[in-house]
Amino acid sequence: MRPNADVTLYMQRGKNRFERIYVPQAFWQEGYDREKGNDGTRYGASPVRIVTVIFELRAANLADFCGAGKERSYIIRGKCTEEISDEQAHGAFVAKHSPFTIKTVTKCDYGNMQHWEVEGQ
């Protein structure tokens, strides 16, 4: 896969503490999940916006964040230098950037294309 974007991840490290990780070369695929609506029911009325981002293992170390349950970790397309230091800054960041909330981080360390796969909604 050819990189088509740079991305910034904000990985939650505690209450209102985020580690900002910039990845200059990533594959970004955005779309809609029509299987579930915003209310969580199958074939809901509104499709859910989703994103899958893939980048090389050496670009970042996300081992601490693997799995699900990243309810307040975010990913945005492009380079972002903002810091999130308190609840007010967190709210302003979400309002300004409309980031995707990270749902899963998967380490794919097999074969010739070892990479991270980050999925958000």
PDB file of N, CA and C in Angstrom:
ATOM      1  N   MET A   1       0.836  -1.176   0.000  1.00  0.00           N
ATOM      2  CA  MET A   1       0.000   0.000   0.000  1.00  0.00           C
ATOM      3  C   MET A   1       0.879   1.237   0.000  1.00  0.00           C
ATOM      4  N   ARG A   2       0.484   2.161  -0.807  1.00  0.00           N
ATOM      5  CA  ARG A   2       1.246   3.405  -0.903  1.00  0.00           C
ATOM      6  C   ARG A   2       0.737   4.404   0.128  1.00  0.00           C
ATOM      7  N   PRO A   3       1.649   5.072   0.818  1.00  0.00           N
ATOM      8  CA  PRO A   3       1.214   6.112   1.752  1.00  0.00           C
ATOM      9  C   PRO A   3       0.470   7.217   1.012  1.00  0.00           C
ATOM     10  N   ASN A   4      -0.633   7.672   1.591  1.00  0.00           N
ATOM     11  CA  ASN A   4      -1.400   8.750   0.972  1.00  0.00           C
ATOM     12  C   ASN A   4      -1.736   9.860   1.966  1.00  0.00           C
ATOM     13  N   ALA A   5      -1.137   9.777   3.178  1.00  0.00           N
ATOM     14  CA  ALA A   5      -1.445  10.787   4.187  1.00  0.00           C
ATOM     15  C   ALA A   5      -0.390  10.776   5.282  1.00  0.00           C
ATOM     16  N   ASP A   6      -0.344  11.873   6.006  1.00  0.00           N
ATOM     17  CA  ASP A   6       0.353  11.871   7.284  1.00  0.00           C
ATOM     18  C   ASP A   6      -0.730  11.967   8.350  1.00  0.00           C
ATOM     19  N   VAL A   7      -0.466  11.387   9.518  1.00  0.00           N
ATOM     20  CA  VAL A   7      -1.486  11.332  10.557  1.00  0.00           C
ATOM     21  C   VAL A   7      -0.889  11.692  11.916  1.00  0.00           C
ATOM     22  N   THR A   8      -1.752  12.149  12.803  1.00  0.00           N
ATOM     23  CA  THR A   8      -1.371  12.405  14.186  1.00  0.00           C
ATOM     24  C   THR A   8      -2.302  11.611  15.086  1.00  0.00           C
ATOM     25  N   LEU A   9      -1.710  10.843  15.977  1.00  0.00           N
ATOM     26  CA  LEU A   9      -2.469  10.075  16.954  1.00  0.00           C
ATOM     27  C   LEU A   9      -2.323  10.740  18.310  1.00  0.00           C
ATOM     28  N   TYR A  10      -3.399  10.777  19.050  1.00  0.00           N
ATOM     29  CA  TYR A  10      -3.397  11.250  20.429  1.00  0.00           C
ATOM     30  C   TYR A  10      -3.821  10.066  21.280  1.00  0.00           C
ATOM     31  N   MET A  11      -2.848   9.414  21.912  1.00  0.00           N
ATOM     32  CA  MET A  11      -3.115   8.208  22.680  1.00  0.00           C
ATOM     33  C   MET A  11      -3.232   8.566  24.164  1.00  0.00           C
ATOM     34  N   GLN A  12      -4.355   8.179  24.764  1.00  0.00           N
ATOM     35  CA  GLN A  12      -4.621   8.539  26.154  1.00  0.00           C
ATOM     36  C   GLN A  12      -3.680   7.796  27.095  1.00  0.00           C
ATOM     37  N   ARG A  13      -3.066   8.553  28.002  1.00  0.00           N
ATOM     38  CA  ARG A  13      -2.135   8.004  28.995  1.00  0.00           C
ATOM     39  C   ARG A  13      -2.645   8.206  30.413  1.00  0.00           C
ATOM     40  N   GLY A  14      -3.834   8.736  30.567  1.00  0.00           N
ATOM     41  CA  GLY A  14      -4.410   9.029  31.877  1.00  0.00           C
ATOM     42  C   GLY A  14      -5.473  10.097  31.687  1.00  0.00           C
ATOM     43  N   LYS A  15      -6.067  10.536  32.776  1.00  0.00           N
ATOM     44  CA  LYS A  15      -7.117  11.540  32.676  1.00  0.00           C
ATOM     45  C   LYS A  15      -6.541  12.826  32.090  1.00  0.00           C
ATOM     46  N   ASN A  16      -7.016  13.190  30.913  1.00  0.00           N
ATOM     47  CA  ASN A  16      -6.579  14.398  30.197  1.00  0.00           C
ATOM     48  C   ASN A  16      -5.075  14.449  29.942  1.00  0.00           C
ATOM     49  N   ARG A  17      -4.452  13.287  29.861  1.00  0.00           N
ATOM     50  CA  ARG A  17      -3.038  13.198  29.472  1.00  0.00           C
ATOM     51  C   ARG A  17      -2.960  12.376  28.202  1.00  0.00           C
ATOM     52  N   PHE A  18      -2.417  12.976  27.160  1.00  0.00           N
ATOM     53  CA  PHE A  18      -2.340  12.315  25.862  1.00  0.00           C
ATOM     54  C   PHE A  18      -0.918  12.357  25.339  1.00  0.00           C
ATOM     55  N   GLU A  19      -0.500  11.254  24.731  1.00  0.00           N
ATOM     56  CA  GLU A  19       0.782  11.208  24.039  1.00  0.00           C
ATOM     57  C   GLU A  19       0.499  11.473  22.561  1.00  0.00           C
ATOM     58  N   ARG A  20       1.119  12.520  22.027  1.00  0.00           N
ATOM     59  CA  ARG A  20       0.939  12.867  20.614  1.00  0.00           C
ATOM     60  C   ARG A  20       1.998  12.129  19.808  1.00  0.00           C
ATOM     61  N   ILE A  21       1.549  11.404  18.779  1.00  0.00           N
ATOM     62  CA  ILE A  21       2.447  10.636  17.911  1.00  0.00           C
ATOM     63  C   ILE A  21       2.179  11.046  16.478  1.00  0.00           C
ATOM     64  N   TYR A  22       3.200  11.579  15.817  1.00  0.00           N
ATOM     65  CA  TYR A  22       3.072  11.995  14.420  1.00  0.00           C
ATOM     66  C   TYR A  22       3.672  10.922  13.534  1.00  0.00           C
ATOM     67  N   VAL A  23       2.929  10.515  12.497  1.00  0.00           N
ATOM     68  CA  VAL A  23       3.382   9.516  11.526  1.00  0.00           C
ATOM     69  C   VAL A  23       3.355  10.178  10.150  1.00  0.00           C
ATOM     70  N   PRO A  24       4.532  10.439   9.561  1.00  0.00           N
ATOM     71  CA  PRO A  24       4.576  11.186   8.301  1.00  0.00           C
ATOM     72  C   PRO A  24       4.114  10.411   7.061  1.00  0.00           C
ATOM     73  N   GLN A  25       4.131   9.078   7.110  1.00  0.00           N
ATOM     74  CA  GLN A  25       3.711   8.293   5.949  1.00  0.00           C
ATOM     75  C   GLN A  25       2.785   7.167   6.395  1.00  0.00           C
ATOM     76  N   ALA A  26       1.528   7.273   5.988  1.00  0.00           N
ATOM     77  CA  ALA A  26       0.534   6.265   6.350  1.00  0.00           C
ATOM     78  C   ALA A  26      -0.450   6.096   5.201  1.00  0.00           C
ATOM     79  N   PHE A  27      -1.136   4.959   5.219  1.00  0.00           N
ATOM     80  CA  PHE A  27      -2.220   4.715   4.272  1.00  0.00           C
ATOM     81  C   PHE A  27      -3.521   4.981   5.018  1.00  0.00           C
ATOM     82  N   TRP A  28      -4.325   5.904   4.521  1.00  0.00           N
ATOM     83  CA  TRP A  28      -5.576   6.342   5.155  1.00  0.00           C
ATOM     84  C   TRP A  28      -6.729   5.936   4.263  1.00  0.00           C
ATOM     85  N   GLN A  29      -7.664   5.149   4.816  1.00  0.00           N
ATOM     86  CA  GLN A  29      -8.861   4.756   4.067  1.00  0.00           C
ATOM     87  C   GLN A  29     -10.076   5.090   4.913  1.00  0.00           C
ATOM     88  N   GLU A  30     -10.894   5.992   4.401  1.00  0.00           N
ATOM     89  CA  GLU A  30     -12.062   6.470   5.123  1.00  0.00           C
ATOM     90  C   GLU A  30     -13.323   6.019   4.396  1.00  0.00           C
ATOM     91  N   GLY A  31     -14.361   5.724   5.153  1.00  0.00           N
ATOM     92  CA  GLY A  31     -15.609   5.310   4.535  1.00  0.00           C
ATOM     93  C   GLY A  31     -16.744   5.321   5.543  1.00  0.00           C
ATOM     94  N   TYR A  32     -17.773   4.550   5.218  1.00  0.00           N
ATOM     95  CA  TYR A  32     -18.951   4.463   6.079  1.00  0.00           C
ATOM     96  C   TYR A  32     -19.284   3.012   6.322  1.00  0.00           C
ATOM     97  N   ASP A  33     -19.668   2.694   7.549  1.00  0.00           N
ATOM     98  CA  ASP A  33     -20.113   1.358   7.903  1.00  0.00           C
ATOM     99  C   ASP A  33     -21.627   1.363   7.883  1.00  0.00           C
ATOM    100  N   ARG A  34     -22.186   0.730   6.891  1.00  0.00           N
ATOM    101  CA  ARG A  34     -23.643   0.708   6.766  1.00  0.00           C
ATOM    102  C   ARG A  34     -24.264  -0.471   7.525  1.00  0.00           C
ATOM    103  N   GLU A  35     -23.418  -1.288   8.126  1.00  0.00           N
ATOM    104  CA  GLU A  35     -23.933  -2.427   8.886  1.00  0.00           C
ATOM    105  C   GLU A  35     -24.568  -1.984  10.191  1.00  0.00           C
ATOM    106  N   LYS A  36     -24.040  -0.915  10.788  1.00  0.00           N
ATOM    107  CA  LYS A  36     -24.578  -0.453  12.064  1.00  0.00           C
ATOM    108  C   LYS A  36     -24.865   1.026  11.987  1.00  0.00           C
ATOM    109  N   GLY A  37     -25.955   1.421  12.565  1.00  0.00           N
ATOM    110  CA  GLY A  37     -26.295   2.830  12.620  1.00  0.00           C
ATOM    111  C   GLY A  37     -25.728   3.478  13.870  1.00  0.00           C
ATOM    112  N   ASN A  38     -25.933   4.763  14.012  1.00  0.00           N
ATOM    113  CA  ASN A  38     -25.428   5.491  15.170  1.00  0.00           C
ATOM    114  C   ASN A  38     -26.018   4.985  16.479  1.00  0.00           C
ATOM    115  N   ASP A  39     -27.191   4.358  16.402  1.00  0.00           N
ATOM    116  CA  ASP A  39     -27.803   3.829  17.614  1.00  0.00           C
ATOM    117  C   ASP A  39     -27.291   2.431  17.952  1.00  0.00           C
ATOM    118  N   GLY A  40     -26.366   1.901  17.145  1.00  0.00           N
ATOM    119  CA  GLY A  40     -25.763   0.601  17.414  1.00  0.00           C
ATOM    120  C   GLY A  40     -26.559  -0.573  16.885  1.00  0.00           C
ATOM    121  N   THR A  41     -27.718  -0.330  16.310  1.00  0.00           N
ATOM    122  CA  THR A  41     -28.521  -1.431  15.795  1.00  0.00           C
ATOM    123  C   THR A  41     -28.075  -1.778  14.377  1.00  0.00           C
ATOM    124  N   ARG A  42     -28.255  -3.010  14.028  1.00  0.00           N
ATOM    125  CA  ARG A  42     -27.885  -3.464  12.692  1.00  0.00           C
ATOM    126  C   ARG A  42     -28.752  -2.766  11.650  1.00  0.00           C
ATOM    127  N   TYR A  43     -28.134  -2.328  10.565  1.00  0.00           N
ATOM    128  CA  TYR A  43     -28.815  -1.638   9.471  1.00  0.00           C
ATOM    129  C   TYR A  43     -29.534  -0.387   9.969  1.00  0.00           C
ATOM    130  N   GLY A  44     -28.833   0.396  10.768  1.00  0.00           N
ATOM    131  CA  GLY A  44     -29.395   1.624  11.322  1.00  0.00           C
ATOM    132  C   GLY A  44     -29.702   2.647  10.249  1.00  0.00           C
ATOM    133  N   ALA A  45     -30.384   3.683  10.627  1.00  0.00           N
ATOM    134  CA  ALA A  45     -30.812   4.729   9.704  1.00  0.00           C
ATOM    135  C   ALA A  45     -29.645   5.560   9.202  1.00  0.00           C
ATOM    136  N   SER A  46     -28.634   5.787  10.043  1.00  0.00           N
ATOM    137  CA  SER A  46     -27.502   6.633   9.663  1.00  0.00           C
ATOM    138  C   SER A  46     -26.238   5.800   9.605  1.00  0.00           C
ATOM    139  N   PRO A  47     -25.487   5.852   8.508  1.00  0.00           N
ATOM    140  CA  PRO A  47     -24.224   5.117   8.453  1.00  0.00           C
ATOM    141  C   PRO A  47     -23.187   5.766   9.389  1.00  0.00           C
ATOM    142  N   VAL A  48     -22.264   4.964   9.879  1.00  0.00           N
ATOM    143  CA  VAL A  48     -21.233   5.420  10.801  1.00  0.00           C
ATOM    144  C   VAL A  48     -19.945   5.660  10.026  1.00  0.00           C
ATOM    145  N   ARG A  49     -19.331   6.821  10.237  1.00  0.00           N
ATOM    146  CA  ARG A  49     -18.055   7.162   9.599  1.00  0.00           C
ATOM    147  C   ARG A  49     -16.941   6.335  10.235  1.00  0.00           C
ATOM    148  N   ILE A  50     -16.123   5.685   9.417  1.00  0.00           N
ATOM    149  CA  ILE A  50     -15.030   4.858   9.921  1.00  0.00           C
ATOM    150  C   ILE A  50     -13.747   5.179   9.164  1.00  0.00           C
ATOM    151  N   VAL A  51     -12.617   4.826   9.765  1.00  0.00           N
ATOM    152  CA  VAL A  51     -11.324   5.000   9.120  1.00  0.00           C
ATOM    153  C   VAL A  51     -10.419   3.832   9.505  1.00  0.00           C
ATOM    154  N   THR A  52      -9.596   3.420   8.543  1.00  0.00           N
ATOM    155  CA  THR A  52      -8.540   2.451   8.787  1.00  0.00           C
ATOM    156  C   THR A  52      -7.240   3.105   8.354  1.00  0.00           C
ATOM    157  N   VAL A  53      -6.248   3.091   9.243  1.00  0.00           N
ATOM    158  CA  VAL A  53      -4.956   3.695   8.960  1.00  0.00           C
ATOM    159  C   VAL A  53      -3.887   2.631   9.153  1.00  0.00           C
ATOM    160  N   ILE A  54      -3.016   2.505   8.158  1.00  0.00           N
ATOM    161  CA  ILE A  54      -1.958   1.491   8.186  1.00  0.00           C
ATOM    162  C   ILE A  54      -0.620   2.193   7.998  1.00  0.00           C
ATOM    163  N   PHE A  55       0.357   1.834   8.846  1.00  0.00           N
ATOM    164  CA  PHE A  55       1.704   2.392   8.693  1.00  0.00           C
ATOM    165  C   PHE A  55       2.731   1.400   9.232  1.00  0.00           C
ATOM    166  N   GLU A  56       3.981   1.582   8.820  1.00  0.00           N
ATOM    167  CA  GLU A  56       5.058   0.657   9.163  1.00  0.00           C
ATOM    168  C   GLU A  56       5.275   0.578  10.675  1.00  0.00           C
ATOM    169  N   LEU A  57       5.687  -0.601  11.136  1.00  0.00           N
ATOM    170  CA  LEU A  57       5.949  -0.794  12.564  1.00  0.00           C
ATOM    171  C   LEU A  57       6.979   0.191  13.088  1.00  0.00           C
ATOM    172  N   ARG A  58       8.003   0.456  12.298  1.00  0.00           N
ATOM    173  CA  ARG A  58       9.088   1.330  12.771  1.00  0.00           C
ATOM    174  C   ARG A  58       8.673   2.796  12.901  1.00  0.00           C
ATOM    175  N   ALA A  59       7.510   3.170  12.359  1.00  0.00           N
ATOM    176  CA  ALA A  59       7.054   4.562  12.409  1.00  0.00           C
ATOM    177  C   ALA A  59       6.633   4.987  13.817  1.00  0.00           C
ATOM    178  N   ALA A  60       6.198   4.047  14.639  1.00  0.00           N
ATOM    179  CA  ALA A  60       5.748   4.367  15.999  1.00  0.00           C
ATOM    180  C   ALA A  60       5.689   3.086  16.822  1.00  0.00           C
ATOM    181  N   ASN A  61       5.765   3.231  18.128  1.00  0.00           N
ATOM    182  CA  ASN A  61       5.612   2.085  19.013  1.00  0.00           C
ATOM    183  C   ASN A  61       4.268   2.211  19.727  1.00  0.00           C
ATOM    184  N   LEU A  62       3.317   1.405  19.294  1.00  0.00           N
ATOM    185  CA  LEU A  62       1.977   1.444  19.866  1.00  0.00           C
ATOM    186  C   LEU A  62       1.669   0.204  20.696  1.00  0.00           C
ATOM    187  N   ALA A  63       2.712  -0.519  21.106  1.00  0.00           N
ATOM    188  CA  ALA A  63       2.513  -1.781  21.825  1.00  0.00           C
ATOM    189  C   ALA A  63       1.659  -1.603  23.077  1.00  0.00           C
ATOM    190  N   ASP A  64       1.786  -0.477  23.778  1.00  0.00           N
ATOM    191  CA  ASP A  64       1.002  -0.239  24.998  1.00  0.00           C
ATOM    192  C   ASP A  64      -0.483  -0.018  24.713  1.00  0.00           C
ATOM    193  N   PHE A  65      -0.806   0.203  23.450  1.00  0.00           N
ATOM    194  CA  PHE A  65      -2.177   0.576  23.099  1.00  0.00           C
ATOM    195  C   PHE A  65      -2.913  -0.506  22.309  1.00  0.00           C
ATOM    196  N   CYS A  66      -2.307  -1.683  22.140  1.00  0.00           N
ATOM    197  CA  CYS A  66      -2.939  -2.742  21.350  1.00  0.00           C
ATOM    198  C   CYS A  66      -4.244  -3.196  21.980  1.00  0.00           C
ATOM    199  N   GLY A  67      -5.153  -3.622  21.107  1.00  0.00           N
ATOM    200  CA  GLY A  67      -6.444  -4.123  21.554  1.00  0.00           C
ATOM    201  C   GLY A  67      -7.522  -3.069  21.425  1.00  0.00           C
ATOM    202  N   ALA A  68      -8.616  -3.300  22.108  1.00  0.00           N
ATOM    203  CA  ALA A  68      -9.762  -2.388  22.038  1.00  0.00           C
ATOM    204  C   ALA A  68      -9.836  -1.554  23.313  1.00  0.00           C
ATOM    205  N   GLY A  69     -10.827  -0.698  23.384  1.00  0.00           N
ATOM    206  CA  GLY A  69     -11.069   0.080  24.597  1.00  0.00           C
ATOM    207  C   GLY A  69     -10.297   1.382  24.659  1.00  0.00           C
ATOM    208  N   LYS A  70     -10.086   2.014  23.547  1.00  0.00           N
ATOM    209  CA  LYS A  70      -9.357   3.279  23.501  1.00  0.00           C
ATOM    210  C   LYS A  70     -10.342   4.446  23.438  1.00  0.00           C
ATOM    211  N   GLU A  71     -11.289   4.466  24.366  1.00  0.00           N
ATOM    212  CA  GLU A  71     -12.431   5.374  24.255  1.00  0.00           C
ATOM    213  C   GLU A  71     -12.072   6.848  24.133  1.00  0.00           C
ATOM    214  N   ARG A  72     -10.886   7.252  24.533  1.00  0.00           N
ATOM    215  CA  ARG A  72     -10.533   8.661  24.410  1.00  0.00           C
ATOM    216  C   ARG A  72      -9.182   8.840  23.723  1.00  0.00           C
ATOM    217  N   SER A  73      -8.810   7.944  22.856  1.00  0.00           N
ATOM    218  CA  SER A  73      -7.633   8.116  22.019  1.00  0.00           C
ATOM    219  C   SER A  73      -8.133   8.477  20.633  1.00  0.00           C
ATOM    220  N   TYR A  74      -7.386   9.345  19.943  1.00  0.00           N
ATOM    221  CA  TYR A  74      -7.890   9.904  18.689  1.00  0.00           C
ATOM    222  C   TYR A  74      -6.862   9.819  17.573  1.00  0.00           C
ATOM    223  N   ILE A  75      -7.378   9.903  16.348  1.00  0.00           N
ATOM    224  CA  ILE A  75      -6.516   9.986  15.171  1.00  0.00           C
ATOM    225  C   ILE A  75      -7.106  11.032  14.228  1.00  0.00           C
ATOM    226  N   ILE A  76      -6.220  11.864  13.699  1.00  0.00           N
ATOM    227  CA  ILE A  76      -6.646  12.866  12.718  1.00  0.00           C
ATOM    228  C   ILE A  76      -5.692  12.812  11.535  1.00  0.00           C
ATOM    229  N   ARG A  77      -6.209  13.203  10.394  1.00  0.00           N
ATOM    230  CA  ARG A  77      -5.397  13.244   9.178  1.00  0.00           C
ATOM    231  C   ARG A  77      -4.592  14.539   9.177  1.00  0.00           C
ATOM    232  N   GLY A  78      -3.293  14.423   8.910  1.00  0.00           N
ATOM    233  CA  GLY A  78      -2.427  15.587   8.860  1.00  0.00           C
ATOM    234  C   GLY A  78      -1.598  15.747  10.123  1.00  0.00           C
ATOM    235  N   LYS A  79      -0.714  16.732  10.082  1.00  0.00           N
ATOM    236  CA  LYS A  79       0.158  17.009  11.223  1.00  0.00           C
ATOM    237  C   LYS A  79      -0.526  18.003  12.147  1.00  0.00           C
ATOM    238  N   CYS A  80      -0.585  17.666  13.418  1.00  0.00           N
ATOM    239  CA  CYS A  80      -1.197  18.527  14.422  1.00  0.00           C
ATOM    240  C   CYS A  80      -0.211  18.653  15.584  1.00  0.00           C
ATOM    241  N   THR A  81       0.045  19.868  16.010  1.00  0.00           N
ATOM    242  CA  THR A  81       1.013  20.091  17.084  1.00  0.00           C
ATOM    243  C   THR A  81       0.354  20.499  18.397  1.00  0.00           C
ATOM    244  N   GLU A  82      -0.966  20.504  18.454  1.00  0.00           N
ATOM    245  CA  GLU A  82      -1.674  20.903  19.669  1.00  0.00           C
ATOM    246  C   GLU A  82      -1.447  19.895  20.792  1.00  0.00           C
ATOM    247  N   GLU A  83      -1.384  20.415  22.008  1.00  0.00           N
ATOM    248  CA  GLU A  83      -1.283  19.573  23.196  1.00  0.00           C
ATOM    249  C   GLU A  83      -2.624  19.594  23.917  1.00  0.00           C
ATOM    250  N   ILE A  84      -2.992  18.467  24.507  1.00  0.00           N
ATOM    251  CA  ILE A  84      -4.216  18.380  25.302  1.00  0.00           C
ATOM    252  C   ILE A  84      -3.779  18.254  26.753  1.00  0.00           C
ATOM    253  N   SER A  85      -4.042  19.290  27.539  1.00  0.00           N
ATOM    254  CA  SER A  85      -3.525  19.320  28.902  1.00  0.00           C
ATOM    255  C   SER A  85      -4.607  19.308  29.985  1.00  0.00           C
ATOM    256  N   ASP A  86      -5.841  19.619  29.624  1.00  0.00           N
ATOM    257  CA  ASP A  86      -6.915  19.626  30.617  1.00  0.00           C
ATOM    258  C   ASP A  86      -8.249  19.395  29.914  1.00  0.00           C
ATOM    259  N   GLU A  87      -9.326  19.335  30.669  1.00  0.00           N
ATOM    260  CA  GLU A  87     -10.656  19.051  30.111  1.00  0.00           C
ATOM    261  C   GLU A  87     -11.082  20.108  29.099  1.00  0.00           C
ATOM    262  N   GLN A  88     -10.771  21.365  29.380  1.00  0.00           N
ATOM    263  CA  GLN A  88     -11.139  22.448  28.462  1.00  0.00           C
ATOM    264  C   GLN A  88     -10.394  22.316  27.136  1.00  0.00           C
ATOM    265  N   ALA A  89      -9.089  22.037  27.210  1.00  0.00           N
ATOM    266  CA  ALA A  89      -8.290  21.849  25.992  1.00  0.00           C
ATOM    267  C   ALA A  89      -8.771  20.627  25.210  1.00  0.00           C
ATOM    268  N   HIS A  90      -9.186  19.590  25.939  1.00  0.00           N
ATOM    269  CA  HIS A  90      -9.698  18.378  25.296  1.00  0.00           C
ATOM    270  C   HIS A  90     -10.970  18.686  24.514  1.00  0.00           C
ATOM    271  N   GLY A  91     -11.902  19.404  25.137  1.00  0.00           N
ATOM    272  CA  GLY A  91     -13.156  19.772  24.470  1.00  0.00           C
ATOM    273  C   GLY A  91     -12.926  20.646  23.260  1.00  0.00           C
ATOM    274  N   ALA A  92     -12.009  21.610  23.368  1.00  0.00           N
ATOM    275  CA  ALA A  92     -11.697  22.500  22.251  1.00  0.00           C
ATOM    276  C   ALA A  92     -11.055  21.717  21.108  1.00  0.00           C
ATOM    277  N   PHE A  93     -10.196  20.765  21.427  1.00  0.00           N
ATOM    278  CA  PHE A  93      -9.539  19.937  20.415  1.00  0.00           C
ATOM    279  C   PHE A  93     -10.565  19.124  19.632  1.00  0.00           C
ATOM    280  N   VAL A  94     -11.477  18.473  20.339  1.00  0.00           N
ATOM    281  CA  VAL A  94     -12.503  17.647  19.683  1.00  0.00           C
ATOM    282  C   VAL A  94     -13.416  18.512  18.828  1.00  0.00           C
ATOM    283  N   ALA A  95     -13.800  19.686  19.325  1.00  0.00           N
ATOM    284  CA  ALA A  95     -14.685  20.582  18.561  1.00  0.00           C
ATOM    285  C   ALA A  95     -13.998  21.100  17.299  1.00  0.00           C
ATOM    286  N   LYS A  96     -12.725  21.393  17.390  1.00  0.00           N
ATOM    287  CA  LYS A  96     -11.986  21.968  16.258  1.00  0.00           C
ATOM    288  C   LYS A  96     -11.674  20.939  15.175  1.00  0.00           C
ATOM    289  N   HIS A  97     -11.241  19.739  15.573  1.00  0.00           N
ATOM    290  CA  HIS A  97     -10.724  18.763  14.606  1.00  0.00           C
ATOM    291  C   HIS A  97     -11.689  17.645  14.238  1.00  0.00           C
ATOM    292  N   SER A  98     -12.748  17.419  15.000  1.00  0.00           N
ATOM    293  CA  SER A  98     -13.648  16.281  14.788  1.00  0.00           C
ATOM    294  C   SER A  98     -12.860  14.998  14.523  1.00  0.00           C
ATOM    295  N   PRO A  99     -12.012  14.601  15.465  1.00  0.00           N
ATOM    296  CA  PRO A  99     -11.161  13.437  15.227  1.00  0.00           C
ATOM    297  C   PRO A  99     -11.947  12.133  15.250  1.00  0.00           C
ATOM    298  N   PHE A 100     -11.340  11.101  14.676  1.00  0.00           N
ATOM    299  CA  PHE A 100     -11.885   9.755  14.803  1.00  0.00           C
ATOM    300  C   PHE A 100     -11.450   9.223  16.162  1.00  0.00           C
ATOM    301  N   THR A 101     -12.352   8.540  16.859  1.00  0.00           N
ATOM    302  CA  THR A 101     -12.005   7.872  18.118  1.00  0.00           C
ATOM    303  C   THR A 101     -11.432   6.509  17.766  1.00  0.00           C
ATOM    304  N   ILE A 102     -10.259   6.202  18.304  1.00  0.00           N
ATOM    305  CA  ILE A 102      -9.611   4.928  17.999  1.00  0.00           C
ATOM    306  C   ILE A 102     -10.363   3.801  18.698  1.00  0.00           C
ATOM    307  N   LYS A 103     -10.723   2.786  17.910  1.00  0.00           N
ATOM    308  CA  LYS A 103     -11.450   1.631  18.442  1.00  0.00           C
ATOM    309  C   LYS A 103     -10.513   0.447  18.666  1.00  0.00           C
ATOM    310  N   THR A 104      -9.588   0.213  17.740  1.00  0.00           N
ATOM    311  CA  THR A 104      -8.638  -0.893  17.889  1.00  0.00           C
ATOM    312  C   THR A 104      -7.277  -0.509  17.329  1.00  0.00           C
ATOM    313  N   VAL A 105      -6.246  -1.075  17.941  1.00  0.00           N
ATOM    314  CA  VAL A 105      -4.871  -0.971  17.454  1.00  0.00           C
ATOM    315  C   VAL A 105      -4.369  -2.395  17.336  1.00  0.00           C
ATOM    316  N   THR A 106      -3.922  -2.777  16.136  1.00  0.00           N
ATOM    317  CA  THR A 106      -3.477  -4.138  15.892  1.00  0.00           C
ATOM    318  C   THR A 106      -2.056  -4.122  15.350  1.00  0.00           C
ATOM    319  N   LYS A 107      -1.200  -4.947  15.950  1.00  0.00           N
ATOM    320  CA  LYS A 107       0.181  -5.094  15.473  1.00  0.00           C
ATOM    321  C   LYS A 107       0.222  -6.281  14.526  1.00  0.00           C
ATOM    322  N   CYS A 108       0.570  -6.030  13.284  1.00  0.00           N
ATOM    323  CA  CYS A 108       0.662  -7.083  12.264  1.00  0.00           C
ATOM    324  C   CYS A 108       2.148  -7.291  11.968  1.00  0.00           C
ATOM    325  N   ASP A 109       2.785  -8.135  12.766  1.00  0.00           N
ATOM    326  CA  ASP A 109       4.242  -8.300  12.663  1.00  0.00           C
ATOM    327  C   ASP A 109       4.636  -9.635  12.025  1.00  0.00           C
ATOM    328  N   TYR A 110       3.990  -9.937  10.923  1.00  0.00           N
ATOM    329  CA  TYR A 110       4.262 -11.166  10.198  1.00  0.00           C
ATOM    330  C   TYR A 110       4.401 -10.837   8.712  1.00  0.00           C
ATOM    331  N   GLY A 111       5.098 -11.705   7.986  1.00  0.00           N
ATOM    332  CA  GLY A 111       5.246 -11.513   6.540  1.00  0.00           C
ATOM    333  C   GLY A 111       6.171 -10.363   6.180  1.00  0.00           C
ATOM    334  N   ASN A 112       6.088  -9.949   4.928  1.00  0.00           N
ATOM    335  CA  ASN A 112       6.969  -8.911   4.404  1.00  0.00           C
ATOM    336  C   ASN A 112       6.518  -7.503   4.727  1.00  0.00           C
ATOM    337  N   MET A 113       5.236  -7.313   5.020  1.00  0.00           N
ATOM    338  CA  MET A 113       4.732  -5.968   5.275  1.00  0.00           C
ATOM    339  C   MET A 113       4.294  -5.846   6.734  1.00  0.00           C
ATOM    340  N   GLN A 114       5.266  -5.702   7.623  1.00  0.00           N
ATOM    341  CA  GLN A 114       4.954  -5.564   9.029  1.00  0.00           C
ATOM    342  C   GLN A 114       4.455  -4.149   9.290  1.00  0.00           C
ATOM    343  N   HIS A 115       3.300  -4.061   9.969  1.00  0.00           N
ATOM    344  CA  HIS A 115       2.669  -2.750  10.097  1.00  0.00           C
ATOM    345  C   HIS A 115       1.727  -2.692  11.299  1.00  0.00           C
ATOM    346  N   TRP A 116       1.315  -1.463  11.618  1.00  0.00           N
ATOM    347  CA  TRP A 116       0.253  -1.188  12.585  1.00  0.00           C
ATOM    348  C   TRP A 116      -1.028  -0.945  11.813  1.00  0.00           C
ATOM    349  N   GLU A 117      -2.127  -1.406  12.363  1.00  0.00           N
ATOM    350  CA  GLU A 117      -3.438  -1.141  11.790  1.00  0.00           C
ATOM    351  C   GLU A 117      -4.274  -0.466  12.893  1.00  0.00           C
ATOM    352  N   VAL A 118      -4.687   0.760  12.625  1.00  0.00           N
ATOM    353  CA  VAL A 118      -5.466   1.537  13.586  1.00  0.00           C
ATOM    354  C   VAL A 118      -6.839   1.774  12.989  1.00  0.00           C
ATOM    355  N   GLU A 119      -7.878   1.391  13.713  1.00  0.00           N
ATOM    356  CA  GLU A 119      -9.245   1.588  13.223  1.00  0.00           C
ATOM    357  C   GLU A 119      -9.973   2.556  14.138  1.00  0.00           C
ATOM    358  N   GLY A 120     -10.689   3.481  13.512  1.00  0.00           N
ATOM    359  CA  GLY A 120     -11.403   4.490  14.278  1.00  0.00           C
ATOM    360  C   GLY A 120     -12.807   4.708  13.763  1.00  0.00           C
ATOM    361  N   GLN A 121     -13.566   5.405  14.569  1.00  0.00           N
ATOM    362  CA  GLN A 121     -14.956   5.690  14.231  1.00  0.00           C
ATOM    363  C   GLN A 121     -15.313   7.094  14.681  1.00  0.00           C
TER     364      GLN A 121
END
